[in-house]
PDB file of N, CA and C in Angstrom:
ATOM      1  N   UNK A   1      63.330 132.507  17.507  1.00  0.00           N
ATOM      2  CA  UNK A   1      63.433 132.535  16.064  1.00  0.00           C
ATOM      3  C   UNK A   1      64.425 131.483  15.585  1.00  0.00           C
ATOM      4  N   UNK A   2      64.450 130.370  16.243  1.00  0.00           N
ATOM      5  CA  UNK A   2      65.339 129.294  15.862  1.00  0.00           C
ATOM      6  C   UNK A   2      65.002 128.827  14.453  1.00  0.00           C
ATOM      7  N   UNK A   3      66.034 128.647  13.637  1.00  0.00           N
ATOM      8  CA  UNK A   3      65.817 128.197  12.271  1.00  0.00           C
ATOM      9  C   UNK A   3      65.525 129.314  11.290  1.00  0.00           C
ATOM     10  N   UNK A   4      65.521 130.560  11.758  1.00  0.00           N
ATOM     11  CA  UNK A   4      65.293 131.712  10.879  1.00  0.00           C
ATOM     12  C   UNK A   4      66.580 132.514  10.762  1.00  0.00           C
ATOM     13  N   UNK A   5      66.859 132.979   9.570  1.00  0.00           N
ATOM     14  CA  UNK A   5      68.006 133.841   9.338  1.00  0.00           C
ATOM     15  C   UNK A   5      67.509 135.166   8.796  1.00  0.00           C
ATOM     16  N   UNK A   6      67.943 136.275   9.413  1.00  0.00           N
ATOM     17  CA  UNK A   6      67.594 137.618   8.956  1.00  0.00           C
ATOM     18  C   UNK A   6      68.856 138.280   8.403  1.00  0.00           C
ATOM     19  N   UNK A   7      68.775 138.747   7.169  1.00  0.00           N
ATOM     20  CA  UNK A   7      69.906 139.398   6.516  1.00  0.00           C
ATOM     21  C   UNK A   7      69.505 140.838   6.209  1.00  0.00           C
ATOM     22  N   UNK A   8      70.117 141.813   6.893  1.00  0.00           N
ATOM     23  CA  UNK A   8      69.748 143.212   6.637  1.00  0.00           C
ATOM     24  C   UNK A   8      70.320 143.706   5.311  1.00  0.00           C
ATOM     25  N   UNK A   9      69.535 144.532   4.617  1.00  0.00           N
ATOM     26  CA  UNK A   9      69.984 145.200   3.394  1.00  0.00           C
ATOM     27  C   UNK A   9      70.026 146.694   3.727  1.00  0.00           C
ATOM     28  N   UNK A  10      71.174 147.321   3.508  1.00  0.00           N
ATOM     29  CA  UNK A  10      71.334 148.730   3.866  1.00  0.00           C
ATOM     30  C   UNK A  10      71.818 149.544   2.677  1.00  0.00           C
ATOM     31  N   UNK A  11      71.500 150.824   2.729  1.00  0.00           N
ATOM     32  CA  UNK A  11      72.014 151.793   1.763  1.00  0.00           C
ATOM     33  C   UNK A  11      73.122 152.570   2.461  1.00  0.00           C
ATOM     34  N   UNK A  12      74.288 152.622   1.832  1.00  0.00           N
ATOM     35  CA  UNK A  12      75.439 153.299   2.416  1.00  0.00           C
ATOM     36  C   UNK A  12      75.820 154.464   1.510  1.00  0.00           C
ATOM     37  N   UNK A  13      76.038 155.638   2.107  1.00  0.00           N
ATOM     38  CA  UNK A  13      76.431 156.801   1.311  1.00  0.00           C
ATOM     39  C   UNK A  13      77.523 157.604   1.995  1.00  0.00           C
ATOM     40  N   UNK A  14      78.399 158.146   1.183  1.00  0.00           N
ATOM     41  CA  UNK A  14      79.483 158.983   1.682  1.00  0.00           C
ATOM     42  C   UNK A  14      79.643 160.184   0.756  1.00  0.00           C
ATOM     43  N   UNK A  15      80.064 161.306   1.304  1.00  0.00           N
ATOM     44  CA  UNK A  15      80.327 162.490   0.492  1.00  0.00           C
ATOM     45  C   UNK A  15      81.464 163.296   1.084  1.00  0.00           C
ATOM     46  N   UNK A  16      82.244 163.883   0.200  1.00  0.00           N
ATOM     47  CA  UNK A  16      83.380 164.690   0.637  1.00  0.00           C
ATOM     48  C   UNK A  16      83.467 165.929  -0.246  1.00  0.00           C
ATOM     49  N   UNK A  17      83.961 167.013   0.310  1.00  0.00           N
ATOM     50  CA  UNK A  17      84.127 168.235  -0.471  1.00  0.00           C
ATOM     51  C   UNK A  17      85.353 169.005  -0.018  1.00  0.00           C
ATOM     52  N   UNK A  18      85.945 169.723  -0.969  1.00  0.00           N
ATOM     53  CA  UNK A  18      87.120 170.538  -0.697  1.00  0.00           C
ATOM     54  C   UNK A  18      86.955 171.851  -1.442  1.00  0.00           C
ATOM     55  N   UNK A  19      87.355 172.945  -0.824  1.00  0.00           N
ATOM     56  CA  UNK A  19      87.294 174.236  -1.493  1.00  0.00           C
ATOM     57  C   UNK A  19      88.446 175.124  -1.057  1.00  0.00           C
ATOM     58  N   UNK A  20      88.854 176.030  -1.960  1.00  0.00           N
ATOM     59  CA  UNK A  20      89.942 176.968  -1.641  1.00  0.00           C
ATOM     60  C   UNK A  20      89.764 178.219  -2.486  1.00  0.00           C
ATOM     61  N   UNK A  21      90.314 179.306  -2.027  1.00  0.00           N
ATOM     62  CA  UNK A  21      90.220 180.549  -2.790  1.00  0.00           C
ATOM     63  C   UNK A  21      91.294 181.535  -2.366  1.00  0.00           C
ATOM     64  N   UNK A  22      91.544 182.488  -3.267  1.00  0.00           N
ATOM     65  CA  UNK A  22      92.515 183.557  -2.999  1.00  0.00           C
ATOM     66  C   UNK A  22      91.916 184.868  -3.461  1.00  0.00           C
ATOM     67  N   UNK A  23      92.354 185.938  -2.830  1.00  0.00           N
ATOM     68  CA  UNK A  23      91.856 187.255  -3.211  1.00  0.00           C
ATOM     69  C   UNK A  23      92.910 188.307  -2.917  1.00  0.00           C
ATOM     70  N   UNK A  24      92.885 189.354  -3.728  1.00  0.00           N
ATOM     71  CA  UNK A  24      93.705 190.537  -3.437  1.00  0.00           C
ATOM     72  C   UNK A  24      92.786 191.745  -3.497  1.00  0.00           C
ATOM     73  N   UNK A  25      92.722 192.445  -2.388  1.00  0.00           N
ATOM     74  CA  UNK A  25      91.895 193.640  -2.277  1.00  0.00           C
ATOM     75  C   UNK A  25      92.831 194.806  -1.992  1.00  0.00           C
ATOM     76  N   UNK A  26      92.788 195.875  -2.812  1.00  0.00           N
ATOM     77  CA  UNK A  26      93.709 196.998  -2.603  1.00  0.00           C
ATOM     78  C   UNK A  26      93.598 197.605  -1.196  1.00  0.00           C
ATOM     79  N   UNK A  27      92.421 197.563  -0.580  1.00  0.00           N
ATOM     80  CA  UNK A  27      92.242 198.164   0.737  1.00  0.00           C
ATOM     81  C   UNK A  27      92.577 197.206   1.878  1.00  0.00           C
ATOM     82  N   UNK A  28      92.311 195.927   1.679  1.00  0.00           N
ATOM     83  CA  UNK A  28      92.496 194.954   2.758  1.00  0.00           C
ATOM     84  C   UNK A  28      93.731 194.076   2.576  1.00  0.00           C
ATOM     85  N   UNK A  29      94.324 194.066   1.435  1.00  0.00           N
ATOM     86  CA  UNK A  29      95.478 193.226   1.182  1.00  0.00           C
ATOM     87  C   UNK A  29      95.064 191.893   0.571  1.00  0.00           C
ATOM     88  N   UNK A  30      96.015 191.000   0.502  1.00  0.00           N
ATOM     89  CA  UNK A  30      95.728 189.697  -0.097  1.00  0.00           C
ATOM     90  C   UNK A  30      95.377 188.683   0.992  1.00  0.00           C
ATOM     91  N   UNK A  31      94.706 187.623   0.568  1.00  0.00           N
ATOM     92  CA  UNK A  31      94.325 186.578   1.520  1.00  0.00           C
ATOM     93  C   UNK A  31      93.964 185.296   0.799  1.00  0.00           C
ATOM     94  N   UNK A  32      93.921 184.276   1.541  1.00  0.00           N
ATOM     95  CA  UNK A  32      93.526 182.986   0.983  1.00  0.00           C
ATOM     96  C   UNK A  32      92.794 182.190   2.063  1.00  0.00           C
ATOM     97  N   UNK A  33      92.052 181.212   1.620  1.00  0.00           N
ATOM     98  CA  UNK A  33      91.310 180.376   2.560  1.00  0.00           C
ATOM     99  C   UNK A  33      90.981 179.046   1.938  1.00  0.00           C
ATOM    100  N   UNK A  34      90.650 178.113   2.770  1.00  0.00           N
ATOM    101  CA  UNK A  34      90.295 176.781   2.279  1.00  0.00           C
ATOM    102  C   UNK A  34      89.480 176.046   3.315  1.00  0.00           C
ATOM    103  N   UNK A  35      88.868 174.977   2.873  1.00  0.00           N
ATOM    104  CA  UNK A  35      88.074 174.171   3.789  1.00  0.00           C
ATOM    105  C   UNK A  35      87.797 172.796   3.220  1.00  0.00           C
ATOM    106  N   UNK A  36      87.523 171.878   4.105  1.00  0.00           N
ATOM    107  CA  UNK A  36      87.174 170.520   3.705  1.00  0.00           C
ATOM    108  C   UNK A  36      86.016 170.029   4.563  1.00  0.00           C
ATOM    109  N   UNK A  37      85.318 169.032   4.078  1.00  0.00           N
ATOM    110  CA  UNK A  37      84.226 168.447   4.849  1.00  0.00           C
ATOM    111  C   UNK A  37      83.891 167.072   4.316  1.00  0.00           C
ATOM    112  N   UNK A  38      83.271 166.304   5.136  1.00  0.00           N
ATOM    113  CA  UNK A  38      82.878 164.967   4.713  1.00  0.00           C
ATOM    114  C   UNK A  38      81.794 164.418   5.619  1.00  0.00           C
ATOM    115  N   UNK A  39      81.121 163.407   5.135  1.00  0.00           N
ATOM    116  CA  UNK A  39      80.068 162.784   5.934  1.00  0.00           C
ATOM    117  C   UNK A  39      79.677 161.449   5.341  1.00  0.00           C
ATOM    118  N   UNK A  40      78.941 160.703   6.110  1.00  0.00           N
ATOM    119  CA  UNK A  40      78.493 159.397   5.641  1.00  0.00           C
ATOM    120  C   UNK A  40      77.281 158.950   6.417  1.00  0.00           C
ATOM    121  N   UNK A  41      76.633 157.932   5.909  1.00  0.00           N
ATOM    122  CA  UNK A  41      75.455 157.414   6.587  1.00  0.00           C
ATOM    123  C   UNK A  41      75.099 156.020   6.126  1.00  0.00           C
ATOM    124  N   UNK A  42      74.360 155.323   6.967  1.00  0.00           N
ATOM    125  CA  UNK A  42      73.877 153.974   6.672  1.00  0.00           C
ATOM    126  C   UNK A  42      72.386 153.955   7.000  1.00  0.00           C
ATOM    127  N   UNK A  43      71.572 153.465   6.061  1.00  0.00           N
ATOM    128  CA  UNK A  43      70.123 153.444   6.259  1.00  0.00           C
ATOM    129  C   UNK A  43      69.597 152.045   5.935  1.00  0.00           C
ATOM    130  N   UNK A  44      68.882 151.413   6.884  1.00  0.00           N
ATOM    131  CA  UNK A  44      68.300 150.104   6.575  1.00  0.00           C
ATOM    132  C   UNK A  44      67.158 150.258   5.572  1.00  0.00           C
ATOM    133  N   UNK A  45      67.124 149.409   4.537  1.00  0.00           N
ATOM    134  CA  UNK A  45      66.074 149.511   3.519  1.00  0.00           C
ATOM    135  C   UNK A  45      65.226 148.247   3.397  1.00  0.00           C
ATOM    136  N   UNK A  46      65.770 147.096   3.786  1.00  0.00           N
ATOM    137  CA  UNK A  46      65.017 145.842   3.678  1.00  0.00           C
ATOM    138  C   UNK A  46      65.685 144.777   4.531  1.00  0.00           C
ATOM    139  N   UNK A  47      64.986 143.672   4.682  1.00  0.00           N
ATOM    140  CA  UNK A  47      65.561 142.523   5.374  1.00  0.00           C
ATOM    141  C   UNK A  47      65.167 141.270   4.580  1.00  0.00           C
ATOM    142  N   UNK A  48      66.138 140.385   4.372  1.00  0.00           N
ATOM    143  CA  UNK A  48      65.884 139.103   3.719  1.00  0.00           C
ATOM    144  C   UNK A  48      65.647 138.089   4.833  1.00  0.00           C
ATOM    145  N   UNK A  49      64.567 137.352   4.733  1.00  0.00           N
ATOM    146  CA  UNK A  49      64.214 136.358   5.741  1.00  0.00           C
ATOM    147  C   UNK A  49      64.325 134.972   5.103  1.00  0.00           C
ATOM    148  N   UNK A  50      65.094 134.105   5.749  1.00  0.00           N
ATOM    149  CA  UNK A  50      65.308 132.745   5.249  1.00  0.00           C
ATOM    150  C   UNK A  50      64.893 131.774   6.352  1.00  0.00           C
ATOM    151  N   UNK A  51      64.019 130.822   6.007  1.00  0.00           N
ATOM    152  CA  UNK A  51      63.653 129.772   6.952  1.00  0.00           C
ATOM    153  C   UNK A  51      63.210 128.541   6.177  1.00  0.00           C
ATOM    154  N   UNK A  52      62.672 127.557   6.863  1.00  0.00           N
ATOM    155  CA  UNK A  52      62.283 126.302   6.214  1.00  0.00           C
ATOM    156  C   UNK A  52      61.165 126.493   5.199  1.00  0.00           C
ATOM    157  N   UNK A  53      60.394 127.574   5.311  1.00  0.00           N
ATOM    158  CA  UNK A  53      59.294 127.829   4.377  1.00  0.00           C
ATOM    159  C   UNK A  53      59.743 128.551   3.111  1.00  0.00           C
ATOM    160  N   UNK A  54      60.961 129.074   3.081  1.00  0.00           N
ATOM    161  CA  UNK A  54      61.444 129.760   1.895  1.00  0.00           C
ATOM    162  C   UNK A  54      62.256 131.000   2.222  1.00  0.00           C
ATOM    163  N   UNK A  55      62.375 131.843   1.197  1.00  0.00           N
ATOM    164  CA  UNK A  55      63.146 133.078   1.297  1.00  0.00           C
ATOM    165  C   UNK A  55      62.283 134.210   0.775  1.00  0.00           C
ATOM    166  N   UNK A  56      62.242 135.333   1.501  1.00  0.00           N
ATOM    167  CA  UNK A  56      61.513 136.496   1.006  1.00  0.00           C
ATOM    168  C   UNK A  56      62.139 137.770   1.539  1.00  0.00           C
ATOM    169  N   UNK A  57      61.785 138.877   0.903  1.00  0.00           N
ATOM    170  CA  UNK A  57      62.314 140.189   1.256  1.00  0.00           C
ATOM    171  C   UNK A  57      61.187 141.039   1.822  1.00  0.00           C
ATOM    172  N   UNK A  58      61.439 141.656   2.970  1.00  0.00           N
ATOM    173  CA  UNK A  58      60.489 142.588   3.576  1.00  0.00           C
ATOM    174  C   UNK A  58      61.091 143.984   3.482  1.00  0.00           C
ATOM    175  N   UNK A  59      60.385 144.889   2.833  1.00  0.00           N
ATOM    176  CA  UNK A  59      60.837 146.267   2.689  1.00  0.00           C
ATOM    177  C   UNK A  59      60.661 147.029   3.992  1.00  0.00           C
ATOM    178  N   UNK A  60      61.594 147.926   4.280  1.00  0.00           N
ATOM    179  CA  UNK A  60      61.523 148.778   5.469  1.00  0.00           C
ATOM    180  C   UNK A  60      61.382 150.218   4.994  1.00  0.00           C
ATOM    181  N   UNK A  61      60.241 150.819   5.239  1.00  0.00           N
ATOM    182  CA  UNK A  61      60.010 152.163   4.723  1.00  0.00           C
ATOM    183  C   UNK A  61      60.337 153.257   5.720  1.00  0.00           C
ATOM    184  N   UNK A  62      60.409 152.937   7.016  1.00  0.00           N
ATOM    185  CA  UNK A  62      60.608 153.989   8.003  1.00  0.00           C
ATOM    186  C   UNK A  62      61.936 153.926   8.729  1.00  0.00           C
ATOM    187  N   UNK A  63      62.933 153.264   8.207  1.00  0.00           N
ATOM    188  CA  UNK A  63      64.244 153.248   8.830  1.00  0.00           C
ATOM    189  C   UNK A  63      64.357 152.269   9.984  1.00  0.00           C
ATOM    190  N   UNK A  64      65.114 152.654  10.998  1.00  0.00           N
ATOM    191  CA  UNK A  64      65.456 151.763  12.101  1.00  0.00           C
ATOM    192  C   UNK A  64      64.223 151.342  12.890  1.00  0.00           C
ATOM    193  N   UNK A  65      63.297 152.263  13.121  1.00  0.00           N
ATOM    194  CA  UNK A  65      62.086 151.903  13.862  1.00  0.00           C
ATOM    195  C   UNK A  65      61.334 150.802  13.140  1.00  0.00           C
ATOM    196  N   UNK A  66      61.169 150.940  11.834  1.00  0.00           N
ATOM    197  CA  UNK A  66      60.478 149.899  11.068  1.00  0.00           C
ATOM    198  C   UNK A  66      61.241 148.583  11.113  1.00  0.00           C
ATOM    199  N   UNK A  67      62.563 148.648  11.077  1.00  0.00           N
ATOM    200  CA  UNK A  67      63.367 147.431  11.144  1.00  0.00           C
ATOM    201  C   UNK A  67      63.069 146.690  12.441  1.00  0.00           C
ATOM    202  N   UNK A  68      63.053 147.395  13.562  1.00  0.00           N
ATOM    203  CA  UNK A  68      62.784 146.752  14.842  1.00  0.00           C
ATOM    204  C   UNK A  68      61.364 146.194  14.888  1.00  0.00           C
ATOM    205  N   UNK A  69      60.412 146.944  14.362  1.00  0.00           N
ATOM    206  CA  UNK A  69      59.032 146.470  14.328  1.00  0.00           C
ATOM    207  C   UNK A  69      58.908 145.237  13.438  1.00  0.00           C
ATOM    208  N   UNK A  70      59.567 145.251  12.279  1.00  0.00           N
ATOM    209  CA  UNK A  70      59.499 144.130  11.344  1.00  0.00           C
ATOM    210  C   UNK A  70      60.103 142.876  11.974  1.00  0.00           C
ATOM    211  N   UNK A  71      61.243 143.020  12.651  1.00  0.00           N
ATOM    212  CA  UNK A  71      61.870 141.871  13.311  1.00  0.00           C
ATOM    213  C   UNK A  71      60.927 141.320  14.381  1.00  0.00           C
ATOM    214  N   UNK A  72      60.296 142.201  15.137  1.00  0.00           N
ATOM    215  CA  UNK A  72      59.353 141.750  16.171  1.00  0.00           C
ATOM    216  C   UNK A  72      58.162 141.025  15.541  1.00  0.00           C
ATOM    217  N   UNK A  73      57.649 141.553  14.422  1.00  0.00           N
ATOM    218  CA  UNK A  73      56.520 140.912  13.738  1.00  0.00           C
ATOM    219  C   UNK A  73      56.894 139.526  13.237  1.00  0.00           C
ATOM    220  N   UNK A  74      58.058 139.435  12.616  1.00  0.00           N
ATOM    221  CA  UNK A  74      58.499 138.144  12.072  1.00  0.00           C
ATOM    222  C   UNK A  74      58.743 137.165  13.209  1.00  0.00           C
ATOM    223  N   UNK A  75      59.360 137.633  14.283  1.00  0.00           N
ATOM    224  CA  UNK A  75      59.625 136.757  15.425  1.00  0.00           C
ATOM    225  C   UNK A  75      58.322 136.224  16.000  1.00  0.00           C
ATOM    226  N   UNK A  76      57.317 137.070  16.092  1.00  0.00           N
ATOM    227  CA  UNK A  76      56.031 136.656  16.653  1.00  0.00           C
ATOM    228  C   UNK A  76      55.374 135.559  15.811  1.00  0.00           C
ATOM    229  N   UNK A  77      55.612 135.575  14.506  1.00  0.00           N
ATOM    230  CA  UNK A  77      55.012 134.573  13.623  1.00  0.00           C
ATOM    231  C   UNK A  77      55.628 133.191  13.815  1.00  0.00           C
ATOM    232  N   UNK A  78      56.901 133.146  14.250  1.00  0.00           N
ATOM    233  CA  UNK A  78      57.615 131.888  14.293  1.00  0.00           C
ATOM    234  C   UNK A  78      57.898 131.363  15.690  1.00  0.00           C
ATOM    235  N   UNK A  79      57.642 132.166  16.688  1.00  0.00           N
ATOM    236  CA  UNK A  79      57.852 131.701  18.061  1.00  0.00           C
ATOM    237  C   UNK A  79      56.546 131.107  18.546  1.00  0.00           C
ATOM    238  N   UNK A  80      56.546 129.848  18.939  1.00  0.00           N
ATOM    239  CA  UNK A  80      55.296 129.223  19.376  1.00  0.00           C
ATOM    240  C   UNK A  80      54.770 129.880  20.644  1.00  0.00           C
ATOM    241  N   UNK A  81      53.460 130.004  20.728  1.00  0.00           N
ATOM    242  CA  UNK A  81      52.824 130.582  21.911  1.00  0.00           C
ATOM    243  C   UNK A  81      52.991 129.622  23.083  1.00  0.00           C
ATOM    244  N   UNK A  82      53.167 130.183  24.272  1.00  0.00           N
ATOM    245  CA  UNK A  82      53.284 129.361  25.468  1.00  0.00           C
ATOM    246  C   UNK A  82      51.900 128.829  25.828  1.00  0.00           C
ATOM    247  N   UNK A  83      51.844 127.567  26.198  1.00  0.00           N
ATOM    248  CA  UNK A  83      50.550 127.022  26.610  1.00  0.00           C
ATOM    249  C   UNK A  83      50.088 127.692  27.903  1.00  0.00           C
ATOM    250  N   UNK A  84      48.783 127.841  28.045  1.00  0.00           N
ATOM    251  CA  UNK A  84      48.219 128.456  29.251  1.00  0.00           C
ATOM    252  C   UNK A  84      48.452 127.527  30.432  1.00  0.00           C
ATOM    253  N   UNK A  85      48.890 128.106  31.532  1.00  0.00           N
ATOM    254  CA  UNK A  85      49.109 127.273  32.734  1.00  0.00           C
ATOM    255  C   UNK A  85      47.827 127.182  33.541  1.00  0.00           C
ATOM    256  N   UNK A  86      47.634 126.044  34.165  1.00  0.00           N
ATOM    257  CA  UNK A  86      46.401 125.876  34.940  1.00  0.00           C
ATOM    258  C   UNK A  86      46.652 125.818  36.417  1.00  0.00           C
TER     259      UNK A  86
END
Protein backbone atom coordinates (compact mmCIF):
# COMPACT_ATOMS: atom_id res chain seq x y z
CA UNK A 1 0.00 0.00 0.00
CA UNK A 2 2.86 2.33 -0.77
CA UNK A 3 1.64 5.86 -1.38
CA UNK A 4 -1.64 5.30 0.48
CA UNK A 5 -2.51 6.85 3.81
CA UNK A 6 -5.30 5.43 6.01
CA UNK A 7 -6.69 7.67 8.75
CA UNK A 8 -9.06 5.95 11.19
CA UNK A 9 -12.12 7.83 12.48
CA UNK A 10 -13.34 6.60 15.87
CA UNK A 11 -16.16 7.33 18.28
CA UNK A 12 -14.97 7.70 21.87
CA UNK A 13 -17.30 7.59 24.87
CA UNK A 14 -16.89 7.74 28.61
CA UNK A 15 -19.35 7.63 31.50
CA UNK A 16 -19.08 7.96 35.25
CA UNK A 17 -21.57 7.72 38.10
CA UNK A 18 -21.62 8.28 41.84
CA UNK A 19 -24.30 7.48 44.39
CA UNK A 20 -24.74 7.65 48.16
CA UNK A 21 -27.51 7.22 50.69
CA UNK A 22 -28.34 7.17 54.38
CA UNK A 23 -31.10 5.54 56.35
CA UNK A 24 -32.34 5.19 59.90
CA UNK A 25 -34.49 2.20 60.71
CA UNK A 26 -35.85 1.88 64.28
CA UNK A 27 -35.32 -1.91 64.19
CA UNK A 28 -31.99 -2.10 62.37
CA UNK A 29 -30.35 1.18 63.32
CA UNK A 30 -28.80 3.76 61.06
CA UNK A 31 -26.60 3.12 58.04
CA UNK A 32 -25.10 4.67 55.01
CA UNK A 33 -23.66 3.50 51.73
CA UNK A 34 -22.11 4.75 48.56
CA UNK A 35 -20.71 3.63 45.27
CA UNK A 36 -18.95 4.79 42.16
CA UNK A 37 -18.47 3.43 38.66
CA UNK A 38 -17.07 4.37 35.33
CA UNK A 39 -16.41 3.05 31.87
CA UNK A 40 -15.28 3.97 28.42
CA UNK A 41 -15.02 2.69 24.91
CA UNK A 42 -13.64 3.33 21.44
CA UNK A 43 -15.46 2.23 18.28
CA UNK A 44 -14.12 2.54 14.72
CA UNK A 45 -16.70 4.24 12.47
CA UNK A 46 -14.86 5.15 9.25
CA UNK A 47 -11.51 5.39 7.54
CA UNK A 48 -10.21 8.26 5.39
CA UNK A 49 -8.15 7.03 2.45
CA UNK A 50 -5.64 9.38 0.81
CA UNK A 51 -3.62 8.51 -2.29
CA UNK A 52 -2.60 9.91 -5.67
CA UNK A 53 -6.16 9.44 -6.99
CA UNK A 54 -7.75 11.58 -4.27
CA UNK A 55 -9.31 11.45 -0.83
CA UNK A 56 -12.43 9.57 0.23
CA UNK A 57 -14.17 8.21 3.31
CA UNK A 58 -15.20 4.57 3.71
CA UNK A 59 -17.84 3.93 6.37
CA UNK A 60 -17.39 0.98 8.74
CA UNK A 61 -20.71 -0.47 9.83
CA UNK A 62 -19.58 -3.58 11.71
CA UNK A 63 -16.78 -2.34 13.96
CA UNK A 64 -13.29 -3.81 14.09
CA UNK A 65 -14.03 -6.76 11.80
CA UNK A 66 -15.27 -4.41 9.08
CA UNK A 67 -12.23 -2.19 9.58
CA UNK A 68 -9.89 -5.13 8.94
CA UNK A 69 -11.93 -6.25 5.94
CA UNK A 70 -12.02 -2.70 4.52
CA UNK A 71 -8.24 -2.31 4.90
CA UNK A 72 -7.73 -5.65 3.14
CA UNK A 73 -10.10 -4.61 0.32
CA UNK A 74 -8.37 -1.28 -0.17
CA UNK A 75 -4.93 -2.89 -0.04
CA UNK A 76 -5.96 -5.42 -2.69
CA UNK A 77 -6.99 -2.59 -5.04
CA UNK A 78 -3.61 -0.88 -4.86
CA UNK A 79 -1.12 -3.71 -4.56
CA UNK A 80 -0.09 -4.88 -8.02
CA UNK A 81 -0.67 -8.55 -8.78
CA UNK A 82 2.45 -10.69 -9.02
CA UNK A 83 3.19 -11.85 -12.53
CA UNK A 84 2.70 -15.57 -13.12
CA UNK A 85 5.97 -17.48 -13.03
CA UNK A 86 6.78 -19.86 -15.82
